[in-house]
PDB file of all heavy atoms in Angstrom:
ATOM      1  N   ASP A   1     114.202 -42.943-134.119  1.00  0.00           N
ATOM      2  CA  ASP A   1     115.467 -43.111-133.392  1.00  0.00           C
ATOM      3  C   ASP A   1     115.260 -43.432-131.917  1.00  0.00           C
ATOM      4  O   ASP A   1     116.019 -44.173-131.324  1.00  0.00           O
ATOM      5  CB  ASP A   1     116.316 -41.843-133.491  1.00  0.00           C
ATOM      6  CG  ASP A   1     116.859 -41.625-134.883  1.00  0.00           C
ATOM      7  OD1 ASP A   1     117.063 -42.617-135.603  1.00  0.00           O
ATOM      8  OD2 ASP A   1     117.070 -40.461-135.253  1.00  0.00           O
ATOM      9  N   PHE A   2     114.244 -42.832-131.313  1.00  0.00           N
ATOM     10  CA  PHE A   2     114.023 -43.008-129.890  1.00  0.00           C
ATOM     11  C   PHE A   2     112.715 -43.761-129.668  1.00  0.00           C
ATOM     12  O   PHE A   2     111.657 -43.330-130.094  1.00  0.00           O
ATOM     13  CB  PHE A   2     113.995 -41.654-129.174  1.00  0.00           C
ATOM     14  CG  PHE A   2     115.315 -40.943-129.265  1.00  0.00           C
ATOM     15  CD1 PHE A   2     115.495 -39.903-130.164  1.00  0.00           C
ATOM     16  CD2 PHE A   2     116.379 -41.323-128.468  1.00  0.00           C
ATOM     17  CE1 PHE A   2     116.714 -39.253-130.260  1.00  0.00           C
ATOM     18  CE2 PHE A   2     117.599 -40.690-128.556  1.00  0.00           C
ATOM     19  CZ  PHE A   2     117.766 -39.652-129.456  1.00  0.00           C
ATOM     20  N   ILE A   3     112.831 -44.881-128.979  1.00  0.00           N
ATOM     21  CA  ILE A   3     111.701 -45.773-128.732  1.00  0.00           C
ATOM     22  C   ILE A   3     111.037 -45.374-127.405  1.00  0.00           C
ATOM     23  O   ILE A   3     111.732 -45.161-126.407  1.00  0.00           O
ATOM     24  CB  ILE A   3     112.192 -47.242-128.630  1.00  0.00           C
ATOM     25  CG1 ILE A   3     113.086 -47.610-129.804  1.00  0.00           C
ATOM     26  CG2 ILE A   3     111.024 -48.193-128.466  1.00  0.00           C
ATOM     27  CD1 ILE A   3     112.428 -47.532-131.142  1.00  0.00           C
ATOM     28  N   PRO A   4     109.690 -45.293-127.354  1.00  0.00           N
ATOM     29  CA  PRO A   4     109.019 -45.001-126.083  1.00  0.00           C
ATOM     30  C   PRO A   4     109.248 -46.122-125.063  1.00  0.00           C
ATOM     31  O   PRO A   4     109.134 -47.304-125.390  1.00  0.00           O
ATOM     32  CB  PRO A   4     107.534 -44.931-126.455  1.00  0.00           C
ATOM     33  CG  PRO A   4     107.490 -44.820-127.933  1.00  0.00           C
ATOM     34  CD  PRO A   4     108.749 -45.422-128.451  1.00  0.00           C
ATOM     35  N   LYS A   5     109.590 -45.750-123.860  1.00  0.00           N
ATOM     36  CA  LYS A   5     109.825 -46.692-122.765  1.00  0.00           C
ATOM     37  C   LYS A   5     109.200 -46.130-121.492  1.00  0.00           C
ATOM     38  O   LYS A   5     108.800 -44.973-121.436  1.00  0.00           O
ATOM     39  CB  LYS A   5     111.323 -46.906-122.528  1.00  0.00           C
ATOM     40  CG  LYS A   5     112.103 -47.453-123.709  1.00  0.00           C
ATOM     41  CD  LYS A   5     111.840 -48.908-123.901  1.00  0.00           C
ATOM     42  CE  LYS A   5     112.713 -49.436-125.036  1.00  0.00           C
ATOM     43  NZ  LYS A   5     112.569 -50.853-125.201  1.00  0.00           N
ATOM     44  N   ILE A   6     109.165 -46.940-120.454  1.00  0.00           N
ATOM     45  CA  ILE A   6     108.722 -46.525-119.125  1.00  0.00           C
ATOM     46  C   ILE A   6     109.897 -46.689-118.166  1.00  0.00           C
ATOM     47  O   ILE A   6     110.571 -47.713-118.180  1.00  0.00           O
ATOM     48  CB  ILE A   6     107.542 -47.395-118.626  1.00  0.00           C
ATOM     49  CG1 ILE A   6     106.315 -47.212-119.507  1.00  0.00           C
ATOM     50  CG2 ILE A   6     107.221 -47.094-117.162  1.00  0.00           C
ATOM     51  CD1 ILE A   6     105.656 -45.864-119.421  1.00  0.00           C
ATOM     52  N   LYS A   7     110.123 -45.660-117.357  1.00  0.00           N
ATOM     53  CA  LYS A   7     111.172 -45.737-116.329  1.00  0.00           C
ATOM     54  C   LYS A   7     110.484 -45.838-114.971  1.00  0.00           C
ATOM     55  O   LYS A   7     109.651 -45.003-114.623  1.00  0.00           O
ATOM     56  CB  LYS A   7     112.059 -44.505-116.389  1.00  0.00           C
ATOM     57  CG  LYS A   7     113.159 -44.490-115.349  1.00  0.00           C
ATOM     58  CD  LYS A   7     114.094 -43.345-115.660  1.00  0.00           C
ATOM     59  CE  LYS A   7     114.646 -42.697-114.448  1.00  0.00           C
ATOM     60  NZ  LYS A   7     115.540 -41.585-114.767  1.00  0.00           N
ATOM     61  N   ILE A   8     110.826 -46.882-114.237  1.00  0.00           N
ATOM     62  CA  ILE A   8     110.290 -47.109-112.897  1.00  0.00           C
ATOM     63  C   ILE A   8     111.411 -46.841-111.904  1.00  0.00           C
ATOM     64  O   ILE A   8     112.520 -47.357-112.063  1.00  0.00           O
ATOM     65  CB  ILE A   8     109.801 -48.562-112.737  1.00  0.00           C
ATOM     66  CG1 ILE A   8     108.733 -48.876-113.768  1.00  0.00           C
ATOM     67  CG2 ILE A   8     109.309 -48.815-111.319  1.00  0.00           C
ATOM     68  CD1 ILE A   8     108.355 -50.342-113.831  1.00  0.00           C
ATOM     69  N   GLU A   9     111.120 -46.040-110.883  1.00  0.00           N
ATOM     70  CA  GLU A   9     112.092 -45.764-109.831  1.00  0.00           C
ATOM     71  C   GLU A   9     111.504 -46.203-108.498  1.00  0.00           C
ATOM     72  O   GLU A   9     110.373 -45.846-108.168  1.00  0.00           O
ATOM     73  CB  GLU A   9     112.421 -44.276-109.785  1.00  0.00           C
ATOM     74  CG  GLU A   9     113.079 -43.772-111.066  1.00  0.00           C
ATOM     75  CD  GLU A   9     113.281 -42.278-111.058  1.00  0.00           C
ATOM     76  OE1 GLU A   9     114.305 -41.831-110.502  1.00  0.00           O
ATOM     77  OE2 GLU A   9     112.404 -41.571-111.584  1.00  0.00           O
ATOM     78  N   ILE A  10     112.287 -46.981-107.756  1.00  0.00           N
ATOM     79  CA  ILE A  10     111.844 -47.515-106.467  1.00  0.00           C
ATOM     80  C   ILE A  10     112.998 -47.394-105.478  1.00  0.00           C
ATOM     81  O   ILE A  10     114.126 -47.750-105.802  1.00  0.00           O
ATOM     82  CB  ILE A  10     111.469 -49.008-106.590  1.00  0.00           C
ATOM     83  CG1 ILE A  10     110.414 -49.212-107.669  1.00  0.00           C
ATOM     84  CG2 ILE A  10     110.997 -49.567-105.259  1.00  0.00           C
ATOM     85  CD1 ILE A  10     110.254 -50.659-108.082  1.00  0.00           C
ATOM     86  N   VAL A  11     112.707 -46.905-104.280  1.00  0.00           N
ATOM     87  CA  VAL A  11     113.696 -46.914-103.202  1.00  0.00           C
ATOM     88  C   VAL A  11     113.174 -47.879-102.144  1.00  0.00           C
ATOM     89  O   VAL A  11     112.049 -47.761-101.674  1.00  0.00           O
ATOM     90  CB  VAL A  11     113.911 -45.507-102.616  1.00  0.00           C
ATOM     91  CG1 VAL A  11     114.878 -45.577-101.429  1.00  0.00           C
ATOM     92  CG2 VAL A  11     114.453 -44.562-103.677  1.00  0.00           C
ATOM     93  N   ILE A  12     114.022 -48.858-101.800  1.00  0.00           N
ATOM     94  CA  ILE A  12     113.623 -49.904-100.856  1.00  0.00           C
ATOM     95  C   ILE A  12     114.784 -50.222 -99.917  1.00  0.00           C
ATOM     96  O   ILE A  12     115.918 -49.838-100.175  1.00  0.00           O
ATOM     97  CB  ILE A  12     113.187 -51.198-101.606  1.00  0.00           C
ATOM     98  CG1 ILE A  12     114.123 -51.525-102.781  1.00  0.00           C
ATOM     99  CG2 ILE A  12     111.796 -51.079-102.149  1.00  0.00           C
ATOM    100  CD1 ILE A  12     115.039 -52.594-102.502  1.00  0.00           C
ATOM    101  N   GLY A  13     114.479 -50.963 -98.861  1.00  0.00           N
ATOM    102  CA  GLY A  13     115.530 -51.447 -97.971  1.00  0.00           C
ATOM    103  C   GLY A  13     116.417 -52.436 -98.722  1.00  0.00           C
ATOM    104  O   GLY A  13     115.941 -53.167 -99.595  1.00  0.00           O
ATOM    105  N   SER A  14     117.673 -52.478 -98.394  1.00  0.00           N
ATOM    106  CA  SER A  14     118.635 -53.345 -99.092  1.00  0.00           C
ATOM    107  C   SER A  14     118.226 -54.810 -99.091  1.00  0.00           C
ATOM    108  O   SER A  14     118.499 -55.535-100.050  1.00  0.00           O
ATOM    109  CB  SER A  14     120.023 -53.208 -98.457  1.00  0.00           C
ATOM    110  OG  SER A  14     120.491 -51.890 -98.602  1.00  0.00           O
ATOM    111  N   GLU A  15     117.547 -55.248 -98.027  1.00  0.00           N
ATOM    112  CA  GLU A  15     117.163 -56.657 -97.927  1.00  0.00           C
ATOM    113  C   GLU A  15     116.120 -57.049 -98.975  1.00  0.00           C
ATOM    114  O   GLU A  15     115.967 -58.229 -99.293  1.00  0.00           O
ATOM    115  CB  GLU A  15     116.641 -56.977 -96.517  1.00  0.00           C
ATOM    116  CG  GLU A  15     115.303 -56.348 -96.152  1.00  0.00           C
ATOM    117  CD  GLU A  15     115.362 -54.866 -95.790  1.00  0.00           C
ATOM    118  OE1 GLU A  15     116.477 -54.323 -95.636  1.00  0.00           O
ATOM    119  OE2 GLU A  15     114.284 -54.257 -95.672  1.00  0.00           O
ATOM    120  N   MET A  16     115.404 -56.087 -99.546  1.00  0.00           N
ATOM    121  CA  MET A  16     114.379 -56.363-100.556  1.00  0.00           C
ATOM    122  C   MET A  16     114.902 -56.288-101.986  1.00  0.00           C
ATOM    123  O   MET A  16     114.198 -56.651-102.927  1.00  0.00           O
ATOM    124  CB  MET A  16     113.226 -55.359-100.427  1.00  0.00           C
ATOM    125  CG  MET A  16     112.297 -55.575 -99.276  1.00  0.00           C
ATOM    126  SD  MET A  16     111.132 -56.904 -99.580  1.00  0.00           S
ATOM    127  CE  MET A  16     110.167 -56.255-100.922  1.00  0.00           C
ATOM    128  N   ALA A  17     116.128 -55.824-102.167  1.00  0.00           N
ATOM    129  CA  ALA A  17     116.642 -55.529-103.506  1.00  0.00           C
ATOM    130  C   ALA A  17     116.556 -56.720-104.461  1.00  0.00           C
ATOM    131  O   ALA A  17     116.055 -56.596-105.582  1.00  0.00           O
ATOM    132  CB  ALA A  17     118.070 -55.010-103.426  1.00  0.00           C
ATOM    133  N   GLU A  18     117.028 -57.880-104.046  1.00  0.00           N
ATOM    134  CA  GLU A  18     117.029 -59.043-104.943  1.00  0.00           C
ATOM    135  C   GLU A  18     115.620 -59.473-105.334  1.00  0.00           C
ATOM    136  O   GLU A  18     115.370 -59.846-106.473  1.00  0.00           O
ATOM    137  CB  GLU A  18     117.799 -60.212-104.326  1.00  0.00           C
ATOM    138  CG  GLU A  18     119.305 -60.036-104.353  1.00  0.00           C
ATOM    139  CD  GLU A  18     119.872 -59.758-105.748  1.00  0.00           C
ATOM    140  OE1 GLU A  18     119.457 -60.427-106.723  1.00  0.00           O
ATOM    141  OE2 GLU A  18     120.714 -58.846-105.870  1.00  0.00           O
ATOM    142  N   LYS A  19     114.688 -59.420-104.380  1.00  0.00           N
ATOM    143  CA  LYS A  19     113.295 -59.766-104.677  1.00  0.00           C
ATOM    144  C   LYS A  19     112.699 -58.828-105.713  1.00  0.00           C
ATOM    145  O   LYS A  19     111.992 -59.247-106.626  1.00  0.00           O
ATOM    146  CB  LYS A  19     112.441 -59.684-103.404  1.00  0.00           C
ATOM    147  CG  LYS A  19     112.456 -60.888-102.538  1.00  0.00           C
ATOM    148  CD  LYS A  19     111.555 -60.594-101.339  1.00  0.00           C
ATOM    149  CE  LYS A  19     110.888 -61.838-100.863  1.00  0.00           C
ATOM    150  NZ  LYS A  19     110.068 -61.588 -99.675  1.00  0.00           N
ATOM    151  N   VAL A  20     112.980 -57.529-105.559  1.00  0.00           N
ATOM    152  CA  VAL A  20     112.461 -56.519-106.478  1.00  0.00           C
ATOM    153  C   VAL A  20     113.067 -56.710-107.866  1.00  0.00           C
ATOM    154  O   VAL A  20     112.359 -56.691-108.879  1.00  0.00           O
ATOM    155  CB  VAL A  20     112.716 -55.094-105.942  1.00  0.00           C
ATOM    156  CG1 VAL A  20     112.404 -54.039-106.992  1.00  0.00           C
ATOM    157  CG2 VAL A  20     111.900 -54.846-104.681  1.00  0.00           C
ATOM    158  N   ILE A  21     114.361 -56.925-107.930  1.00  0.00           N
ATOM    159  CA  ILE A  21     115.038 -57.137-109.215  1.00  0.00           C
ATOM    160  C   ILE A  21     114.461 -58.350-109.928  1.00  0.00           C
ATOM    161  O   ILE A  21     114.146 -58.299-111.121  1.00  0.00           O
ATOM    162  CB  ILE A  21     116.566 -57.299-109.001  1.00  0.00           C
ATOM    163  CG1 ILE A  21     117.170 -55.974-108.533  1.00  0.00           C
ATOM    164  CG2 ILE A  21     117.245 -57.805-110.268  1.00  0.00           C
ATOM    165  CD1 ILE A  21     118.550 -56.103-107.944  1.00  0.00           C
ATOM    166  N   THR A  22     114.288 -59.436-109.207  1.00  0.00           N
ATOM    167  CA  THR A  22     113.737 -60.660-109.798  1.00  0.00           C
ATOM    168  C   THR A  22     112.307 -60.438-110.286  1.00  0.00           C
ATOM    169  O   THR A  22     111.940 -60.866-111.377  1.00  0.00           O
ATOM    170  CB  THR A  22     113.786 -61.816-108.781  1.00  0.00           C
ATOM    171  OG1 THR A  22     115.153 -62.019-108.394  1.00  0.00           O
ATOM    172  CG2 THR A  22     113.232 -63.094-109.366  1.00  0.00           C
ATOM    173  N   ALA A  23     111.494 -59.747-109.486  1.00  0.00           N
ATOM    174  CA  ALA A  23     110.105 -59.491-109.864  1.00  0.00           C
ATOM    175  C   ALA A  23     110.037 -58.659-111.139  1.00  0.00           C
ATOM    176  O   ALA A  23     109.258 -58.960-112.059  1.00  0.00           O
ATOM    177  CB  ALA A  23     109.363 -58.791-108.731  1.00  0.00           C
ATOM    178  N   ILE A  24     110.848 -57.612-111.228  1.00  0.00           N
ATOM    179  CA  ILE A  24     110.855 -56.765-112.425  1.00  0.00           C
ATOM    180  C   ILE A  24     111.343 -57.554-113.628  1.00  0.00           C
ATOM    181  O   ILE A  24     110.731 -57.530-114.703  1.00  0.00           O
ATOM    182  CB  ILE A  24     111.720 -55.506-112.212  1.00  0.00           C
ATOM    183  CG1 ILE A  24     111.101 -54.596-111.148  1.00  0.00           C
ATOM    184  CG2 ILE A  24     111.896 -54.745-113.536  1.00  0.00           C
ATOM    185  CD1 ILE A  24     111.993 -53.460-110.699  1.00  0.00           C
ATOM    186  N   ARG A  25     112.461 -58.253-113.452  1.00  0.00           N
ATOM    187  CA  ARG A  25     113.038 -59.017-114.561  1.00  0.00           C
ATOM    188  C   ARG A  25     112.050 -60.038-115.108  1.00  0.00           C
ATOM    189  O   ARG A  25     111.846 -60.130-116.321  1.00  0.00           O
ATOM    190  CB  ARG A  25     114.326 -59.709-114.116  1.00  0.00           C
ATOM    191  CG  ARG A  25     115.078 -60.378-115.270  1.00  0.00           C
ATOM    192  CD  ARG A  25     116.251 -61.192-114.797  1.00  0.00           C
ATOM    193  NE  ARG A  25     115.755 -62.270-113.963  1.00  0.00           N
ATOM    194  CZ  ARG A  25     116.301 -62.642-112.801  1.00  0.00           C
ATOM    195  NH1 ARG A  25     117.352 -62.025-112.344  1.00  0.00           N
ATOM    196  NH2 ARG A  25     115.795 -63.634-112.113  1.00  0.00           N
ATOM    197  N   ASP A  26     111.407 -60.782-114.235  1.00  0.00           N
ATOM    198  CA  ASP A  26     110.469 -61.810-114.679  1.00  0.00           C
ATOM    199  C   ASP A  26     109.219 -61.216-115.333  1.00  0.00           C
ATOM    200  O   ASP A  26     108.736 -61.713-116.342  1.00  0.00           O
ATOM    201  CB  ASP A  26     110.074 -62.712-113.514  1.00  0.00           C
ATOM    202  CG  ASP A  26     111.229 -63.557-113.010  1.00  0.00           C
ATOM    203  OD1 ASP A  26     112.281 -63.632-113.687  1.00  0.00           O
ATOM    204  OD2 ASP A  26     111.097 -64.147-111.921  1.00  0.00           O
ATOM    205  N   ALA A  27     108.691 -60.131-114.759  1.00  0.00           N
ATOM    206  CA  ALA A  27     107.452 -59.540-115.273  1.00  0.00           C
ATOM    207  C   ALA A  27     107.663 -58.765-116.573  1.00  0.00           C
ATOM    208  O   ALA A  27     106.766 -58.707-117.412  1.00  0.00           O
ATOM    209  CB  ALA A  27     106.834 -58.633-114.224  1.00  0.00           C
ATOM    210  N   ALA A  28     108.839 -58.173-116.754  1.00  0.00           N
ATOM    211  CA  ALA A  28     109.089 -57.342-117.938  1.00  0.00           C
ATOM    212  C   ALA A  28     109.651 -58.132-119.119  1.00  0.00           C
ATOM    213  O   ALA A  28     109.712 -57.623-120.234  1.00  0.00           O
ATOM    214  CB  ALA A  28     110.046 -56.203-117.586  1.00  0.00           C
ATOM    215  N   ASN A  29     110.027 -59.367-118.899  1.00  0.00           N
ATOM    216  CA  ASN A  29     110.692 -60.157-119.931  1.00  0.00           C
ATOM    217  C   ASN A  29     109.730 -60.615-121.028  1.00  0.00           C
ATOM    218  O   ASN A  29     108.706 -61.226-120.752  1.00  0.00           O
ATOM    219  CB  ASN A  29     111.354 -61.381-119.291  1.00  0.00           C
ATOM    220  CG  ASN A  29     112.161 -62.197-120.273  1.00  0.00           C
ATOM    221  OD1 ASN A  29     112.449 -61.761-121.373  1.00  0.00           O
ATOM    222  ND2 ASN A  29     112.523 -63.390-119.859  1.00  0.00           N
TER     223      ASN A  29
END
């Protein structure tokens, strides 16, 4: 029922948010 996953938590300045989201999305896809 429950699949093993990894949770990543990052706190960054707001100006870096889009770069971080894109990097995660592209690398995890």
